[in-house]
Structures are given as C-alpha cells and as structure tokens.
C-alpha cells in the first residue's frame, strides 16, 4: 500500500550522512471481552538519534485537543 499510495520515495544515502535506525513495535489489540481483535505492527524511527539542521530543518505536527478548540470558539463567540 505504501508504494501504491506514493507515500515515500526511495533514495540513495548521501556519502557524508549517517543512517538513522528504525524499530518495529508490535501490539495486540483486544476486544472488550479480552479476545484478540487484531495484531498491529508499526515501524518507528529512533528520533533521538537525529540532529537539528543536520537531518532536518523544520518539524510540524498539527495536534489540537477538542477542549482547546471548544474554548477558542467559545471565546470568539463571547467577544463577537
């Protein structure tokens, strides 16, 4: 699916760069009655090995809690 969805592009490693390691995380998801629902496997990068401005220049993670969004909307409605 990763290749089909064009999620990534395979590139050659530059000569002066070090490869960052990865790790597989396995998890078993259970139903409410403790029967196995599904098995999940996630490939994660060992991010602690990255150096700012050497491996990356910017990071952005769009995360917002629902409580925060509701509070901002309530403040906007109150001032409006």
C-alpha atoms as a PDB file:
ATOM      1  CA  UNK A   1       0.000   0.000   0.000  1.00  0.00           C
ATOM      2  CA  UNK A   2       2.886   2.377   0.680  1.00  0.00           C
ATOM      3  CA  UNK A   3       4.126   2.047  -2.901  1.00  0.00           C
ATOM      4  CA  UNK A   4       0.590   2.180  -4.318  1.00  0.00           C
ATOM      5  CA  UNK A   5      -0.283   5.387  -2.427  1.00  0.00           C
ATOM      6  CA  UNK A   6       3.061   7.022  -3.312  1.00  0.00           C
ATOM      7  CA  UNK A   7       3.776   7.593   0.385  1.00  0.00           C
ATOM      8  CA  UNK A   8       7.542   7.721   0.062  1.00  0.00           C
ATOM      9  CA  UNK A   9      10.355   7.941  -2.468  1.00  0.00           C
ATOM     10  CA  UNK A  10      13.316   5.577  -2.204  1.00  0.00           C
ATOM     11  CA  UNK A  11      16.606   7.495  -2.466  1.00  0.00           C
ATOM     12  CA  UNK A  12      20.313   6.735  -2.244  1.00  0.00           C
ATOM     13  CA  UNK A  13      22.089   7.645   1.011  1.00  0.00           C
ATOM     14  CA  UNK A  14      24.416  10.667   0.744  1.00  0.00           C
ATOM     15  CA  UNK A  15      28.059   9.780   1.447  1.00  0.00           C
ATOM     16  CA  UNK A  16      28.500  12.117   4.444  1.00  0.00           C
ATOM     17  CA  UNK A  17      25.253  11.200   6.269  1.00  0.00           C
ATOM     18  CA  UNK A  18      24.719   8.525   8.907  1.00  0.00           C
ATOM     19  CA  UNK A  19      21.670   6.248   8.637  1.00  0.00           C
ATOM     20  CA  UNK A  20      19.083   6.641  11.431  1.00  0.00           C
ATOM     21  CA  UNK A  21      17.887   3.362  12.882  1.00  0.00           C
ATOM     22  CA  UNK A  22      14.331   2.108  12.986  1.00  0.00           C
ATOM     23  CA  UNK A  23      12.479  -0.243  15.284  1.00  0.00           C
ATOM     24  CA  UNK A  24       9.372  -2.402  14.883  1.00  0.00           C
ATOM     25  CA  UNK A  25       6.729  -2.024  17.600  1.00  0.00           C
ATOM     26  CA  UNK A  26       4.251  -4.899  17.836  1.00  0.00           C
ATOM     27  CA  UNK A  27       0.931  -4.593  19.620  1.00  0.00           C
ATOM     28  CA  UNK A  28      -2.041  -6.889  20.140  1.00  0.00           C
ATOM     29  CA  UNK A  29      -5.422  -5.182  20.141  1.00  0.00           C
ATOM     30  CA  UNK A  30      -8.074  -6.830  22.314  1.00  0.00           C
ATOM     31  CA  UNK A  31     -11.864  -6.672  22.302  1.00  0.00           C
ATOM     32  CA  UNK A  32     -13.818  -5.635  25.384  1.00  0.00           C
ATOM     33  CA  UNK A  33     -14.106  -9.301  26.383  1.00  0.00           C
ATOM     34  CA  UNK A  34     -10.292  -9.778  26.161  1.00  0.00           C
ATOM     35  CA  UNK A  35     -10.298 -11.768  22.918  1.00  0.00           C
ATOM     36  CA  UNK A  36      -7.715 -10.859  20.297  1.00  0.00           C
ATOM     37  CA  UNK A  37      -9.175  -8.414  17.800  1.00  0.00           C
ATOM     38  CA  UNK A  38      -6.115  -7.781  15.602  1.00  0.00           C
ATOM     39  CA  UNK A  39      -2.346  -7.597  15.544  1.00  0.00           C
ATOM     40  CA  UNK A  40      -0.658  -4.291  14.704  1.00  0.00           C
ATOM     41  CA  UNK A  41       2.928  -3.616  13.644  1.00  0.00           C
ATOM     42  CA  UNK A  42       4.335  -0.093  13.431  1.00  0.00           C
ATOM     43  CA  UNK A  43       7.742   0.903  12.075  1.00  0.00           C
ATOM     44  CA  UNK A  44       9.115   3.846  14.078  1.00  0.00           C
ATOM     45  CA  UNK A  45      12.306   5.840  13.637  1.00  0.00           C
ATOM     46  CA  UNK A  46      14.700   6.293  16.536  1.00  0.00           C
ATOM     47  CA  UNK A  47      14.218  10.068  16.575  1.00  0.00           C
ATOM     48  CA  UNK A  48      16.607  10.665  19.449  1.00  0.00           C
ATOM     49  CA  UNK A  49      19.480   9.989  17.029  1.00  0.00           C
ATOM     50  CA  UNK A  50      18.573  12.952  14.802  1.00  0.00           C
ATOM     51  CA  UNK A  51      20.467  16.240  14.961  1.00  0.00           C
ATOM     52  CA  UNK A  52      18.696  19.541  14.192  1.00  0.00           C
ATOM     53  CA  UNK A  53      19.940  21.253  10.995  1.00  0.00           C
ATOM     54  CA  UNK A  54      21.853  18.089  10.079  1.00  0.00           C
ATOM     55  CA  UNK A  55      18.973  15.673   9.438  1.00  0.00           C
ATOM     56  CA  UNK A  56      16.063  18.117   9.352  1.00  0.00           C
ATOM     57  CA  UNK A  57      15.321  21.861   9.273  1.00  0.00           C
ATOM     58  CA  UNK A  58      11.666  22.067  10.286  1.00  0.00           C
ATOM     59  CA  UNK A  59       9.193  19.989  12.243  1.00  0.00           C
ATOM     60  CA  UNK A  60       5.433  20.407  12.284  1.00  0.00           C
ATOM     61  CA  UNK A  61       2.829  18.276  13.985  1.00  0.00           C
ATOM     62  CA  UNK A  62      -0.746  19.543  13.779  1.00  0.00           C
ATOM     63  CA  UNK A  63      -2.224  18.419  17.084  1.00  0.00           C
ATOM     64  CA  UNK A  64      -5.154  20.059  18.829  1.00  0.00           C
ATOM     65  CA  UNK A  65      -7.273  18.844  21.694  1.00  0.00           C
ATOM     66  CA  UNK A  66     -11.023  19.131  21.368  1.00  0.00           C
ATOM     67  CA  UNK A  67     -11.192  21.018  24.698  1.00  0.00           C
ATOM     68  CA  UNK A  68      -8.879  23.709  23.320  1.00  0.00           C
ATOM     69  CA  UNK A  69     -10.884  24.130  20.113  1.00  0.00           C
ATOM     70  CA  UNK A  70     -14.140  24.458  22.055  1.00  0.00           C
ATOM     71  CA  UNK A  71     -12.572  27.048  24.397  1.00  0.00           C
ATOM     72  CA  UNK A  72     -11.264  29.136  21.481  1.00  0.00           C
ATOM     73  CA  UNK A  73     -14.646  29.030  19.735  1.00  0.00           C
ATOM     74  CA  UNK A  74     -16.401  29.998  22.975  1.00  0.00           C
ATOM     75  CA  UNK A  75     -14.036  32.959  23.441  1.00  0.00           C
ATOM     76  CA  UNK A  76     -14.607  34.073  19.866  1.00  0.00           C
ATOM     77  CA  UNK A  77     -18.375  33.816  20.289  1.00  0.00           C
ATOM     78  CA  UNK A  78     -18.240  35.751  23.575  1.00  0.00           C
ATOM     79  CA  UNK A  79     -16.211  38.629  22.073  1.00  0.00           C
ATOM     80  CA  UNK A  80     -18.259  38.715  18.882  1.00  0.00           C
END
